[in-house]
PDB file of N, CA and C in Angstrom:
ATOM      1  N   MET A   1       0.805  -1.250  -0.269  1.00  0.00           N
ATOM      2  CA  MET A   1      -0.004   0.032   0.284  1.00  0.00           C
ATOM      3  C   MET A   1       0.846   1.365   0.601  1.00  0.00           C
ATOM      4  N   ARG A   2       0.887   1.894  -1.058  1.00  0.00           N
ATOM      5  CA  ARG A   2       1.402   3.291  -0.727  1.00  0.00           C
ATOM      6  C   ARG A   2       0.637   4.977  -0.955  1.00  0.00           C
ATOM      7  N   ALA A   3       0.974   5.184   0.389  1.00  0.00           N
ATOM      8  CA  ALA A   3       0.782   6.626   0.657  1.00  0.00           C
ATOM      9  C   ALA A   3       1.672   7.841   0.732  1.00  0.00           C
ATOM     10  N   GLU A   4       1.011   8.977   0.750  1.00  0.00           N
ATOM     11  CA  GLU A   4       2.147  10.265   0.244  1.00  0.00           C
ATOM     12  C   GLU A   4       1.124  11.773   0.872  1.00  0.00           C
ATOM     13  N   TYR A   5       1.848  12.009   1.602  1.00  0.00           N
ATOM     14  CA  TYR A   5       1.101  13.386   2.038  1.00  0.00           C
ATOM     15  C   TYR A   5       1.510  14.881   1.564  1.00  0.00           C
ATOM     16  N   PRO A   6       1.529  15.350   0.305  1.00  0.00           N
ATOM     17  CA  PRO A   6       1.524  16.063  -0.798  1.00  0.00           C
ATOM     18  C   PRO A   6       1.536  17.357  -0.250  1.00  0.00           C
ATOM     19  N   GLY A   7       0.985  17.510   1.165  1.00  0.00           N
ATOM     20  CA  GLY A   7       0.633  18.781   1.893  1.00  0.00           C
ATOM     21  C   GLY A   7      -0.755  19.137   2.745  1.00  0.00           C
ATOM     22  N   PHE A   8      -0.713  20.222   3.009  1.00  0.00           N
ATOM     23  CA  PHE A   8      -1.606  20.581   3.982  1.00  0.00           C
ATOM     24  C   PHE A   8      -2.996  19.731   2.962  1.00  0.00           C
ATOM     25  N   GLY A   9      -3.901  19.425   3.794  1.00  0.00           N
ATOM     26  CA  GLY A   9      -5.089  19.735   3.389  1.00  0.00           C
ATOM     27  C   GLY A   9      -5.610  18.312   2.102  1.00  0.00           C
ATOM     28  N   ARG A  10      -4.792  17.315   2.059  1.00  0.00           N
ATOM     29  CA  ARG A  10      -4.700  16.323   0.950  1.00  0.00           C
ATOM     30  C   ARG A  10      -3.763  15.162   1.557  1.00  0.00           C
ATOM     31  N   ILE A  11      -4.311  13.943   1.017  1.00  0.00           N
ATOM     32  CA  ILE A  11      -3.241  12.883   1.304  1.00  0.00           C
ATOM     33  C   ILE A  11      -4.210  12.180   0.364  1.00  0.00           C
ATOM     34  N   VAL A  12      -2.904  11.069  -0.220  1.00  0.00           N
ATOM     35  CA  VAL A  12      -3.000  10.436  -1.177  1.00  0.00           C
ATOM     36  C   VAL A  12      -2.033   8.846  -0.638  1.00  0.00           C
ATOM     37  N   ILE A  13      -3.799   8.199  -1.073  1.00  0.00           N
ATOM     38  CA  ILE A  13      -3.764   6.521  -0.646  1.00  0.00           C
ATOM     39  C   ILE A  13      -3.654   5.896  -2.132  1.00  0.00           C
ATOM     40  N   ASP A  14      -2.832   4.460  -2.201  1.00  0.00           N
ATOM     41  CA  ASP A  14      -2.374   4.342  -3.574  1.00  0.00           C
ATOM     42  C   ASP A  14      -3.268   4.899  -4.881  1.00  0.00           C
ATOM     43  N   GLY A  15      -3.005   6.207  -4.965  1.00  0.00           N
ATOM     44  CA  GLY A  15      -2.922   7.503  -5.675  1.00  0.00           C
ATOM     45  C   GLY A  15      -4.694   7.372  -5.932  1.00  0.00           C
ATOM     46  N   LYS A  16      -5.115   7.634  -5.119  1.00  0.00           N
ATOM     47  CA  LYS A  16      -6.624   8.102  -5.120  1.00  0.00           C
ATOM     48  C   LYS A  16      -6.478   9.670  -3.600  1.00  0.00           C
ATOM     49  N   THR A  17      -6.898  10.291  -4.092  1.00  0.00           N
ATOM     50  CA  THR A  17      -6.453  11.309  -3.148  1.00  0.00           C
ATOM     51  C   THR A  17      -7.980  11.947  -2.104  1.00  0.00           C
ATOM     52  N   TYR A  18      -7.519  11.977  -1.138  1.00  0.00           N
ATOM     53  CA  TYR A  18      -8.935  12.424   0.192  1.00  0.00           C
ATOM     54  C   TYR A  18      -8.281  13.504   0.589  1.00  0.00           C
ATOM     55  N   ASP A  19      -9.492  14.364   0.560  1.00  0.00           N
ATOM     56  CA  ASP A  19      -9.427  16.069   1.650  1.00  0.00           C
ATOM     57  C   ASP A  19      -9.853  16.523   2.879  1.00  0.00           C
ATOM     58  N   HIS A  20     -10.044  14.762   3.464  1.00  0.00           N
ATOM     59  CA  HIS A  20     -10.090  14.662   4.800  1.00  0.00           C
ATOM     60  C   HIS A  20      -9.381  13.543   5.340  1.00  0.00           C
ATOM     61  N   ASP A  21      -9.656  14.097   7.024  1.00  0.00           N
ATOM     62  CA  ASP A  21      -8.722  12.517   7.505  1.00  0.00           C
ATOM     63  C   ASP A  21      -9.369  11.457   7.488  1.00  0.00           C
ATOM     64  N   VAL A  22      -8.482  10.499   7.350  1.00  0.00           N
ATOM     65  CA  VAL A  22      -8.929   9.200   7.032  1.00  0.00           C
ATOM     66  C   VAL A  22      -8.455   8.292   8.069  1.00  0.00           C
ATOM     67  N   VAL A  23      -8.913   6.737   7.777  1.00  0.00           N
ATOM     68  CA  VAL A  23      -8.553   5.959   8.435  1.00  0.00           C
ATOM     69  C   VAL A  23      -8.237   4.804   7.589  1.00  0.00           C
ATOM     70  N   VAL A  24      -6.980   4.049   7.624  1.00  0.00           N
ATOM     71  CA  VAL A  24      -6.393   3.435   6.749  1.00  0.00           C
ATOM     72  C   VAL A  24      -6.512   2.052   7.659  1.00  0.00           C
ATOM     73  N   TYR A  25      -7.055   0.685   7.620  1.00  0.00           N
ATOM     74  CA  TYR A  25      -7.113  -0.974   7.843  1.00  0.00           C
ATOM     75  C   TYR A  25      -6.174  -1.534   7.569  1.00  0.00           C
ATOM     76  N   PRO A  26      -5.583  -2.697   7.955  1.00  0.00           N
ATOM     77  CA  PRO A  26      -4.581  -3.691   7.478  1.00  0.00           C
ATOM     78  C   PRO A  26      -5.226  -4.039   6.288  1.00  0.00           C
ATOM     79  N   SER A  27      -6.326  -4.058   6.079  1.00  0.00           N
ATOM     80  CA  SER A  27      -6.623  -4.883   4.741  1.00  0.00           C
ATOM     81  C   SER A  27      -6.473  -4.127   3.732  1.00  0.00           C
ATOM     82  N   GLY A  28      -6.481  -2.584   4.032  1.00  0.00           N
ATOM     83  CA  GLY A  28      -6.445  -1.814   2.454  1.00  0.00           C
ATOM     84  C   GLY A  28      -7.053  -0.810   2.976  1.00  0.00           C
ATOM     85  N   ARG A  29      -8.680  -1.385   3.443  1.00  0.00           N
ATOM     86  CA  ARG A  29      -9.726  -0.545   3.042  1.00  0.00           C
ATOM     87  C   ARG A  29      -9.682   1.179   3.811  1.00  0.00           C
ATOM     88  N   VAL A  30      -9.772   2.204   3.178  1.00  0.00           N
ATOM     89  CA  VAL A  30      -9.565   3.568   3.200  1.00  0.00           C
ATOM     90  C   VAL A  30     -11.138   3.817   3.427  1.00  0.00           C
ATOM     91  N   GLU A  31     -11.486   4.679   4.636  1.00  0.00           N
ATOM     92  CA  GLU A  31     -12.398   5.430   5.499  1.00  0.00           C
ATOM     93  C   GLU A  31     -12.498   6.622   5.845  1.00  0.00           C
ATOM     94  N   LYS A  32     -13.324   7.554   5.722  1.00  0.00           N
ATOM     95  CA  LYS A  32     -12.988   8.820   6.434  1.00  0.00           C
ATOM     96  C   LYS A  32     -13.270   8.972   7.980  1.00  0.00           C
ATOM     97  N   ARG A  33     -12.103   9.448   8.234  1.00  0.00           N
ATOM     98  CA  ARG A  33     -12.514   9.333   9.695  1.00  0.00           C
ATOM     99  C   ARG A  33     -13.739  10.341  10.684  1.00  0.00           C
ATOM    100  N   LYS A  34     -14.116   9.117  11.542  1.00  0.00           N
ATOM    101  CA  LYS A  34     -15.519  10.081  12.407  1.00  0.00           C
ATOM    102  C   LYS A  34     -14.864  11.135  13.709  1.00  0.00           C
ATOM    103  N   LYS A  35     -14.032  11.865  13.071  1.00  0.00           N
ATOM    104  CA  LYS A  35     -13.956  13.134  14.153  1.00  0.00           C
ATOM    105  C   LYS A  35     -15.167  13.906  15.093  1.00  0.00           C
ATOM    106  N   TRP A  36     -16.283  13.835  14.117  1.00  0.00           N
ATOM    107  CA  TRP A  36     -17.216  14.240  14.654  1.00  0.00           C
ATOM    108  C   TRP A  36     -17.471  13.507  16.473  1.00  0.00           C
ATOM    109  N   LEU A  37     -17.424  12.077  16.709  1.00  0.00           N
ATOM    110  CA  LEU A  37     -17.259  11.698  17.733  1.00  0.00           C
ATOM    111  C   LEU A  37     -16.983  12.277  19.108  1.00  0.00           C
ATOM    112  N   SER A  38     -15.359  12.746  18.214  1.00  0.00           N
ATOM    113  CA  SER A  38     -14.780  13.165  19.661  1.00  0.00           C
ATOM    114  C   SER A  38     -14.821  14.642  19.563  1.00  0.00           C
ATOM    115  N   LYS A  39     -15.431  15.599  18.081  1.00  0.00           N
ATOM    116  CA  LYS A  39     -15.588  16.973  18.170  1.00  0.00           C
ATOM    117  C   LYS A  39     -16.806  16.979  19.045  1.00  0.00           C
ATOM    118  N   ASN A  40     -18.109  16.147  19.359  1.00  0.00           N
ATOM    119  CA  ASN A  40     -19.596  16.629  20.116  1.00  0.00           C
ATOM    120  C   ASN A  40     -18.650  16.342  21.491  1.00  0.00           C
ATOM    121  N   LYS A  41     -17.777  15.292  21.388  1.00  0.00           N
ATOM    122  CA  LYS A  41     -17.330  15.231  23.483  1.00  0.00           C
ATOM    123  C   LYS A  41     -16.220  16.144  23.650  1.00  0.00           C
ATOM    124  N   HIS A  42     -15.574  16.463  23.072  1.00  0.00           N
ATOM    125  CA  HIS A  42     -14.453  17.158  23.488  1.00  0.00           C
ATOM    126  C   HIS A  42     -14.404  19.190  23.040  1.00  0.00           C
ATOM    127  N   GLY A  43     -15.172  19.310  21.837  1.00  0.00           N
ATOM    128  CA  GLY A  43     -15.487  20.153  21.216  1.00  0.00           C
ATOM    129  C   GLY A  43     -14.498  20.778  20.637  1.00  0.00           C
ATOM    130  N   THR A  44     -13.694  19.812  20.107  1.00  0.00           N
ATOM    131  CA  THR A  44     -12.666  19.776  19.392  1.00  0.00           C
ATOM    132  C   THR A  44     -12.105  18.324  18.805  1.00  0.00           C
ATOM    133  N   SER A  45     -12.112  18.381  17.254  1.00  0.00           N
ATOM    134  CA  SER A  45     -11.413  16.681  16.733  1.00  0.00           C
ATOM    135  C   SER A  45     -10.108  16.649  16.756  1.00  0.00           C
ATOM    136  N   HIS A  46      -9.523  17.728  17.628  1.00  0.00           N
ATOM    137  CA  HIS A  46      -7.855  17.221  17.890  1.00  0.00           C
ATOM    138  C   HIS A  46      -7.492  16.533  19.192  1.00  0.00           C
ATOM    139  N   ARG A  47      -8.789  16.078  19.834  1.00  0.00           N
ATOM    140  CA  ARG A  47      -8.620  14.947  21.249  1.00  0.00           C
ATOM    141  C   ARG A  47      -9.078  13.966  20.794  1.00  0.00           C
ATOM    142  N   PHE A  48      -8.447  13.217  20.601  1.00  0.00           N
ATOM    143  CA  PHE A  48      -9.008  11.544  19.515  1.00  0.00           C
ATOM    144  C   PHE A  48      -9.597  10.917  20.807  1.00  0.00           C
ATOM    145  N   ASP A  49     -10.883  10.313  21.197  1.00  0.00           N
ATOM    146  CA  ASP A  49     -11.463  10.064  22.044  1.00  0.00           C
ATOM    147  C   ASP A  49     -11.173   8.880  21.994  1.00  0.00           C
ATOM    148  N   LEU A  50     -11.421   7.808  22.859  1.00  0.00           N
ATOM    149  CA  LEU A  50     -11.765   6.452  23.377  1.00  0.00           C
ATOM    150  C   LEU A  50     -12.834   5.804  22.195  1.00  0.00           C
ATOM    151  N   GLU A  51     -13.900   7.349  22.395  1.00  0.00           N
ATOM    152  CA  GLU A  51     -15.048   6.180  21.590  1.00  0.00           C
ATOM    153  C   GLU A  51     -15.031   6.344  19.880  1.00  0.00           C
ATOM    154  N   GLU A  52     -14.046   7.254  19.469  1.00  0.00           N
ATOM    155  CA  GLU A  52     -13.971   7.395  18.114  1.00  0.00           C
ATOM    156  C   GLU A  52     -13.155   6.498  17.764  1.00  0.00           C
ATOM    157  N   LEU A  53     -12.317   5.709  18.576  1.00  0.00           N
ATOM    158  CA  LEU A  53     -10.725   4.733  18.514  1.00  0.00           C
ATOM    159  C   LEU A  53     -11.617   3.501  18.317  1.00  0.00           C
ATOM    160  N   ARG A  54     -12.466   2.940  19.434  1.00  0.00           N
ATOM    161  CA  ARG A  54     -13.752   1.852  18.985  1.00  0.00           C
ATOM    162  C   ARG A  54     -14.194   1.878  17.971  1.00  0.00           C
ATOM    163  N   GLU A  55     -14.388   2.575  17.141  1.00  0.00           N
ATOM    164  CA  GLU A  55     -15.284   2.460  16.001  1.00  0.00           C
ATOM    165  C   GLU A  55     -13.981   2.091  15.081  1.00  0.00           C
ATOM    166  N   TYR A  56     -12.932   2.312  15.342  1.00  0.00           N
ATOM    167  CA  TYR A  56     -11.744   1.607  14.219  1.00  0.00           C
ATOM    168  C   TYR A  56     -11.329   0.189  14.448  1.00  0.00           C
ATOM    169  N   LEU A  57     -11.610  -0.219  15.536  1.00  0.00           N
ATOM    170  CA  LEU A  57     -11.246  -1.659  15.702  1.00  0.00           C
ATOM    171  C   LEU A  57     -12.130  -2.744  15.258  1.00  0.00           C
ATOM    172  N   LYS A  58     -12.149  -2.820  13.443  1.00  0.00           N
ATOM    173  CA  LYS A  58     -12.715  -3.864  13.362  1.00  0.00           C
ATOM    174  C   LYS A  58     -11.839  -4.875  12.909  1.00  0.00           C
ATOM    175  N   GLU A  59     -10.589  -4.286  12.665  1.00  0.00           N
ATOM    176  CA  GLU A  59      -9.781  -5.484  12.086  1.00  0.00           C
ATOM    177  C   GLU A  59      -8.195  -5.736  12.951  1.00  0.00           C
ATOM    178  N   ASP A  60      -7.843  -7.081  13.032  1.00  0.00           N
ATOM    179  CA  ASP A  60      -6.841  -7.405  13.857  1.00  0.00           C
ATOM    180  C   ASP A  60      -5.404  -6.173  13.618  1.00  0.00           C
ATOM    181  N   PHE A  61      -4.560  -6.012  14.208  1.00  0.00           N
ATOM    182  CA  PHE A  61      -3.387  -4.928  13.894  1.00  0.00           C
ATOM    183  C   PHE A  61      -2.688  -5.069  14.821  1.00  0.00           C
ATOM    184  N   ASP A  62      -0.908  -5.027  14.828  1.00  0.00           N
ATOM    185  CA  ASP A  62      -0.100  -4.725  15.399  1.00  0.00           C
ATOM    186  C   ASP A  62       0.279  -3.153  15.571  1.00  0.00           C
ATOM    187  N   VAL A  63      -0.186  -2.329  15.255  1.00  0.00           N
ATOM    188  CA  VAL A  63       0.726  -1.188  15.009  1.00  0.00           C
ATOM    189  C   VAL A  63      -0.510  -0.177  14.718  1.00  0.00           C
ATOM    190  N   LEU A  64      -1.049   0.703  15.917  1.00  0.00           N
ATOM    191  CA  LEU A  64      -1.818   1.976  15.891  1.00  0.00           C
ATOM    192  C   LEU A  64      -0.706   2.796  15.671  1.00  0.00           C
ATOM    193  N   LEU A  65      -1.410   3.403  14.067  1.00  0.00           N
ATOM    194  CA  LEU A  65      -0.693   4.805  13.903  1.00  0.00           C
ATOM    195  C   LEU A  65      -1.233   5.505  13.901  1.00  0.00           C
ATOM    196  N   ILE A  66      -0.779   7.333  14.141  1.00  0.00           N
ATOM    197  CA  ILE A  66      -1.839   8.403  14.063  1.00  0.00           C
ATOM    198  C   ILE A  66      -1.096   9.359  13.655  1.00  0.00           C
ATOM    199  N   GLY A  67      -1.370   9.782  12.605  1.00  0.00           N
ATOM    200  CA  GLY A  67      -0.526  11.372  11.979  1.00  0.00           C
ATOM    201  C   GLY A  67      -1.038  11.982  12.546  1.00  0.00           C
ATOM    202  N   THR A  68      -0.716  12.983  13.186  1.00  0.00           N
ATOM    203  CA  THR A  68      -0.944  13.781  13.996  1.00  0.00           C
ATOM    204  C   THR A  68      -1.709  14.981  13.549  1.00  0.00           C
ATOM    205  N   GLY A  69      -1.188  15.155  12.370  1.00  0.00           N
ATOM    206  CA  GLY A  69      -1.601  16.389  11.395  1.00  0.00           C
ATOM    207  C   GLY A  69       0.231  16.934  11.215  1.00  0.00           C
ATOM    208  N   ALA A  70      -0.119  18.335  10.274  1.00  0.00           N
ATOM    209  CA  ALA A  70       1.039  18.856   9.904  1.00  0.00           C
ATOM    210  C   ALA A  70       1.896  19.601  10.980  1.00  0.00           C
ATOM    211  N   TYR A  71       0.708  20.285  12.127  1.00  0.00           N
ATOM    212  CA  TYR A  71       1.466  20.607  13.268  1.00  0.00           C
ATOM    213  C   TYR A  71       1.598  20.006  14.489  1.00  0.00           C
ATOM    214  N   GLY A  72       1.042  18.075  14.039  1.00  0.00           N
ATOM    215  CA  GLY A  72       1.109  17.588  15.633  1.00  0.00           C
ATOM    216  C   GLY A  72      -0.338  18.175  16.400  1.00  0.00           C
ATOM    217  N   MET A  73      -1.157  18.271  15.706  1.00  0.00           N
ATOM    218  CA  MET A  73      -2.039  18.866  16.690  1.00  0.00           C
ATOM    219  C   MET A  73      -3.408  18.134  17.481  1.00  0.00           C
ATOM    220  N   LEU A  74      -3.369  16.885  16.785  1.00  0.00           N
ATOM    221  CA  LEU A  74      -4.170  15.598  17.010  1.00  0.00           C
ATOM    222  C   LEU A  74      -3.788  14.973  17.786  1.00  0.00           C
ATOM    223  N   SER A  75      -4.219  14.644  18.732  1.00  0.00           N
ATOM    224  CA  SER A  75      -3.557  13.550  20.459  1.00  0.00           C
ATOM    225  C   SER A  75      -4.478  12.517  20.542  1.00  0.00           C
ATOM    226  N   LEU A  76      -3.692  11.225  20.790  1.00  0.00           N
ATOM    227  CA  LEU A  76      -4.825  10.137  21.691  1.00  0.00           C
ATOM    228  C   LEU A  76      -4.921  10.568  22.986  1.00  0.00           C
ATOM    229  N   LEU A  77      -5.778  10.570  23.436  1.00  0.00           N
ATOM    230  CA  LEU A  77      -6.101  10.808  24.815  1.00  0.00           C
ATOM    231  C   LEU A  77      -5.790   9.454  25.603  1.00  0.00           C
ATOM    232  N   PRO A  78      -5.439   9.250  26.947  1.00  0.00           N
ATOM    233  CA  PRO A  78      -4.786   8.400  27.417  1.00  0.00           C
ATOM    234  C   PRO A  78      -5.625   6.909  27.694  1.00  0.00           C
ATOM    235  N   GLY A  79      -6.951   6.886  27.392  1.00  0.00           N
ATOM    236  CA  GLY A  79      -8.016   6.200  27.500  1.00  0.00           C
ATOM    237  C   GLY A  79      -7.349   5.237  26.566  1.00  0.00           C
ATOM    238  N   GLY A  80      -7.807   5.540  25.441  1.00  0.00           N
ATOM    239  CA  GLY A  80      -7.192   5.059  24.273  1.00  0.00           C
ATOM    240  C   GLY A  80      -5.437   4.062  23.812  1.00  0.00           C
ATOM    241  N   ARG A  81      -5.244   5.129  24.540  1.00  0.00           N
ATOM    242  CA  ARG A  81      -3.467   3.498  24.787  1.00  0.00           C
ATOM    243  C   ARG A  81      -4.185   2.432  25.754  1.00  0.00           C
ATOM    244  N   LYS A  82      -4.623   2.641  26.583  1.00  0.00           N
ATOM    245  CA  LYS A  82      -5.472   1.312  27.737  1.00  0.00           C
ATOM    246  C   LYS A  82      -6.185   0.200  26.714  1.00  0.00           C
ATOM    247  N   LEU A  83      -7.029   1.203  25.277  1.00  0.00           N
ATOM    248  CA  LEU A  83      -8.166   0.206  24.805  1.00  0.00           C
ATOM    249  C   LEU A  83      -7.026  -0.363  23.809  1.00  0.00           C
ATOM    250  N   VAL A  84      -5.732  -0.034  23.410  1.00  0.00           N
ATOM    251  CA  VAL A  84      -5.172  -0.664  22.263  1.00  0.00           C
ATOM    252  C   VAL A  84      -3.768  -1.529  23.328  1.00  0.00           C
ATOM    253  N   LYS A  85      -4.008  -1.766  24.683  1.00  0.00           N
ATOM    254  CA  LYS A  85      -2.586  -2.045  25.126  1.00  0.00           C
ATOM    255  C   LYS A  85      -2.035  -3.289  24.794  1.00  0.00           C
ATOM    256  N   GLY A  86      -0.866  -3.358  24.907  1.00  0.00           N
ATOM    257  CA  GLY A  86      -0.338  -4.702  24.224  1.00  0.00           C
ATOM    258  C   GLY A  86      -0.008  -4.213  22.656  1.00  0.00           C
ATOM    259  N   LYS A  87      -0.347  -3.373  21.995  1.00  0.00           N
ATOM    260  CA  LYS A  87      -0.543  -3.235  20.448  1.00  0.00           C
ATOM    261  C   LYS A  87       0.800  -1.709  20.726  1.00  0.00           C
ATOM    262  N   GLU A  88       1.487  -1.620  19.586  1.00  0.00           N
ATOM    263  CA  GLU A  88       2.380  -0.598  19.360  1.00  0.00           C
ATOM    264  C   GLU A  88       1.545   0.113  19.165  1.00  0.00           C
ATOM    265  N   VAL A  89       2.079   1.790  19.323  1.00  0.00           N
ATOM    266  CA  VAL A  89       1.107   2.999  19.265  1.00  0.00           C
ATOM    267  C   VAL A  89       2.304   3.811  19.074  1.00  0.00           C
ATOM    268  N   ILE A  90       1.983   4.831  17.875  1.00  0.00           N
ATOM    269  CA  ILE A  90       2.941   5.490  17.491  1.00  0.00           C
ATOM    270  C   ILE A  90       2.400   6.878  17.298  1.00  0.00           C
ATOM    271  N   GLU A  91       2.877   8.219  17.539  1.00  0.00           N
ATOM    272  CA  GLU A  91       2.186   9.229  17.328  1.00  0.00           C
ATOM    273  C   GLU A  91       3.481  10.034  16.852  1.00  0.00           C
ATOM    274  N   LEU A  92       2.588  10.693  15.343  1.00  0.00           N
ATOM    275  CA  LEU A  92       4.075  11.368  14.418  1.00  0.00           C
ATOM    276  C   LEU A  92       3.230  11.891  13.663  1.00  0.00           C
ATOM    277  N   PRO A  93       3.749  13.308  13.774  1.00  0.00           N
ATOM    278  CA  PRO A  93       3.400  14.590  12.575  1.00  0.00           C
ATOM    279  C   PRO A  93       2.862  13.669  11.322  1.00  0.00           C
ATOM    280  N   THR A  94       1.950  14.036  10.696  1.00  0.00           N
ATOM    281  CA  THR A  94       1.417  13.353   9.223  1.00  0.00           C
ATOM    282  C   THR A  94       2.708  13.096   8.565  1.00  0.00           C
ATOM    283  N   GLY A  95       3.136  14.367   7.547  1.00  0.00           N
ATOM    284  CA  GLY A  95       4.448  14.285   7.532  1.00  0.00           C
ATOM    285  C   GLY A  95       5.148  12.917   7.634  1.00  0.00           C
ATOM    286  N   LYS A  96       5.816  13.037   9.001  1.00  0.00           N
ATOM    287  CA  LYS A  96       6.640  11.703   9.379  1.00  0.00           C
ATOM    288  C   LYS A  96       5.544  10.174   9.468  1.00  0.00           C
ATOM    289  N   ALA A  97       4.534  10.198   9.874  1.00  0.00           N
ATOM    290  CA  ALA A  97       3.721   9.098   9.880  1.00  0.00           C
ATOM    291  C   ALA A  97       3.439   8.247   8.708  1.00  0.00           C
ATOM    292  N   ILE A  98       3.372   9.199   7.713  1.00  0.00           N
ATOM    293  CA  ILE A  98       3.312   8.885   6.201  1.00  0.00           C
ATOM    294  C   ILE A  98       4.454   7.842   5.769  1.00  0.00           C
ATOM    295  N   GLU A  99       6.202   8.257   6.334  1.00  0.00           N
ATOM    296  CA  GLU A  99       6.980   7.476   5.735  1.00  0.00           C
ATOM    297  C   GLU A  99       6.991   6.675   6.835  1.00  0.00           C
ATOM    298  N   LYS A 100       6.814   6.626   8.462  1.00  0.00           N
ATOM    299  CA  LYS A 100       6.733   5.620   9.134  1.00  0.00           C
ATOM    300  C   LYS A 100       5.665   4.772   8.300  1.00  0.00           C
ATOM    301  N   PHE A 101       4.275   4.617   7.828  1.00  0.00           N
ATOM    302  CA  PHE A 101       3.695   4.185   7.515  1.00  0.00           C
ATOM    303  C   PHE A 101       4.132   2.974   5.795  1.00  0.00           C
ATOM    304  N   SER A 102       4.911   3.348   5.697  1.00  0.00           N
ATOM    305  CA  SER A 102       5.372   2.991   4.040  1.00  0.00           C
ATOM    306  C   SER A 102       6.464   1.893   4.561  1.00  0.00           C
ATOM    307  N   GLU A 103       7.307   2.418   5.524  1.00  0.00           N
ATOM    308  CA  GLU A 103       8.470   1.672   6.212  1.00  0.00           C
ATOM    309  C   GLU A 103       7.542   0.136   6.881  1.00  0.00           C
ATOM    310  N   LEU A 104       6.655   0.389   7.435  1.00  0.00           N
ATOM    311  CA  LEU A 104       5.920  -0.775   8.297  1.00  0.00           C
ATOM    312  C   LEU A 104       4.983  -1.277   7.201  1.00  0.00           C
ATOM    313  N   SER A 105       4.279  -0.858   6.176  1.00  0.00           N
ATOM    314  CA  SER A 105       3.640  -1.591   5.408  1.00  0.00           C
ATOM    315  C   SER A 105       4.470  -2.897   4.500  1.00  0.00           C
ATOM    316  N   GLY A 106       3.534  -4.112   4.876  1.00  0.00           N
ATOM    317  CA  GLY A 106       3.987  -5.414   4.479  1.00  0.00           C
ATOM    318  C   GLY A 106       4.583  -6.170   5.437  1.00  0.00           C
ATOM    319  N   ARG A 107       5.045  -5.197   6.751  1.00  0.00           N
ATOM    320  CA  ARG A 107       5.821  -5.976   7.457  1.00  0.00           C
ATOM    321  C   ARG A 107       5.147  -6.346   8.474  1.00  0.00           C
ATOM    322  N   LYS A 108       4.120  -5.104   9.252  1.00  0.00           N
ATOM    323  CA  LYS A 108       3.437  -5.432  10.090  1.00  0.00           C
ATOM    324  C   LYS A 108       1.652  -4.917   9.929  1.00  0.00           C
ATOM    325  N   ARG A 109       0.794  -5.154  10.746  1.00  0.00           N
ATOM    326  CA  ARG A 109      -0.480  -4.950  10.145  1.00  0.00           C
ATOM    327  C   ARG A 109      -0.555  -3.697  11.113  1.00  0.00           C
ATOM    328  N   VAL A 110      -1.159  -2.269  10.001  1.00  0.00           N
ATOM    329  CA  VAL A 110      -0.969  -1.319  10.645  1.00  0.00           C
ATOM    330  C   VAL A 110      -2.419  -0.559  10.323  1.00  0.00           C
ATOM    331  N   LEU A 111      -2.580  -0.208  11.705  1.00  0.00           N
ATOM    332  CA  LEU A 111      -4.030   0.814  11.835  1.00  0.00           C
ATOM    333  C   LEU A 111      -3.427   2.025  11.650  1.00  0.00           C
ATOM    334  N   ALA A 112      -4.313   2.740  10.498  1.00  0.00           N
ATOM    335  CA  ALA A 112      -3.373   3.895  10.539  1.00  0.00           C
ATOM    336  C   ALA A 112      -4.455   5.080  10.964  1.00  0.00           C
ATOM    337  N   VAL A 113      -4.461   6.318  11.139  1.00  0.00           N
ATOM    338  CA  VAL A 113      -5.667   7.315  11.406  1.00  0.00           C
ATOM    339  C   VAL A 113      -4.761   8.345  11.126  1.00  0.00           C
ATOM    340  N   PHE A 114      -4.966   9.363   9.908  1.00  0.00           N
ATOM    341  CA  PHE A 114      -4.081  10.672   9.333  1.00  0.00           C
ATOM    342  C   PHE A 114      -5.049  12.067   9.512  1.00  0.00           C
ATOM    343  N   HIS A 115      -4.430  12.663  10.497  1.00  0.00           N
ATOM    344  CA  HIS A 115      -5.146  13.814  10.723  1.00  0.00           C
ATOM    345  C   HIS A 115      -4.667  15.035   9.568  1.00  0.00           C
ATOM    346  N   ILE A 116      -5.415  15.033   8.472  1.00  0.00           N
ATOM    347  CA  ILE A 116      -4.269  15.725   7.330  1.00  0.00           C
ATOM    348  C   ILE A 116      -4.476  17.705   7.434  1.00  0.00           C
ATOM    349  N   THR A 117      -4.722  18.193   8.703  1.00  0.00           N
ATOM    350  CA  THR A 117      -4.512  19.507   8.334  1.00  0.00           C
ATOM    351  C   THR A 117      -3.711  19.699   9.622  1.00  0.00           C
ATOM    352  N   CYS A 118      -4.137  20.835  10.283  1.00  0.00           N
ATOM    353  CA  CYS A 118      -3.564  21.468  11.765  1.00  0.00           C
ATOM    354  C   CYS A 118      -2.851  20.062  12.437  1.00  0.00           C
TER     355      CYS A 118
END
C-alpha cells in the first residue's frame, strides 16, 4: 500500500486523493475518519477520544499509527492507549507518519489514522 502527504489538507492513498482525515485498515480499506465523535464530546476533533477509536477496531492490527497533523495537533487521549494495550502505538506529525506507514506496510498489520490539516 502506498501513501503520500503532498501537503496540508490532502493525502493520497494508492493513487486516490482524499481531502479529509482518513483511517487506513490493515486490509487496505480506507474510510473517512469519524472525528465528529471526538468533536461532540470535547469541542474539538484534535482530542482523539476512546469512543472514536473503538469505531476503528474492526480488524486485528499490530501497530496503531496516528498522523497527528501538519503541526501535531491531534493527540490520542490516555484511555485510547489502555484500549489498545499490548499493541504498539506511534504518534507522529502526518508527514513523518506517512514515512513510517511506508516503512511498516507489508511487515506489520497497521491501523493508521491520518489527520491531514493542522
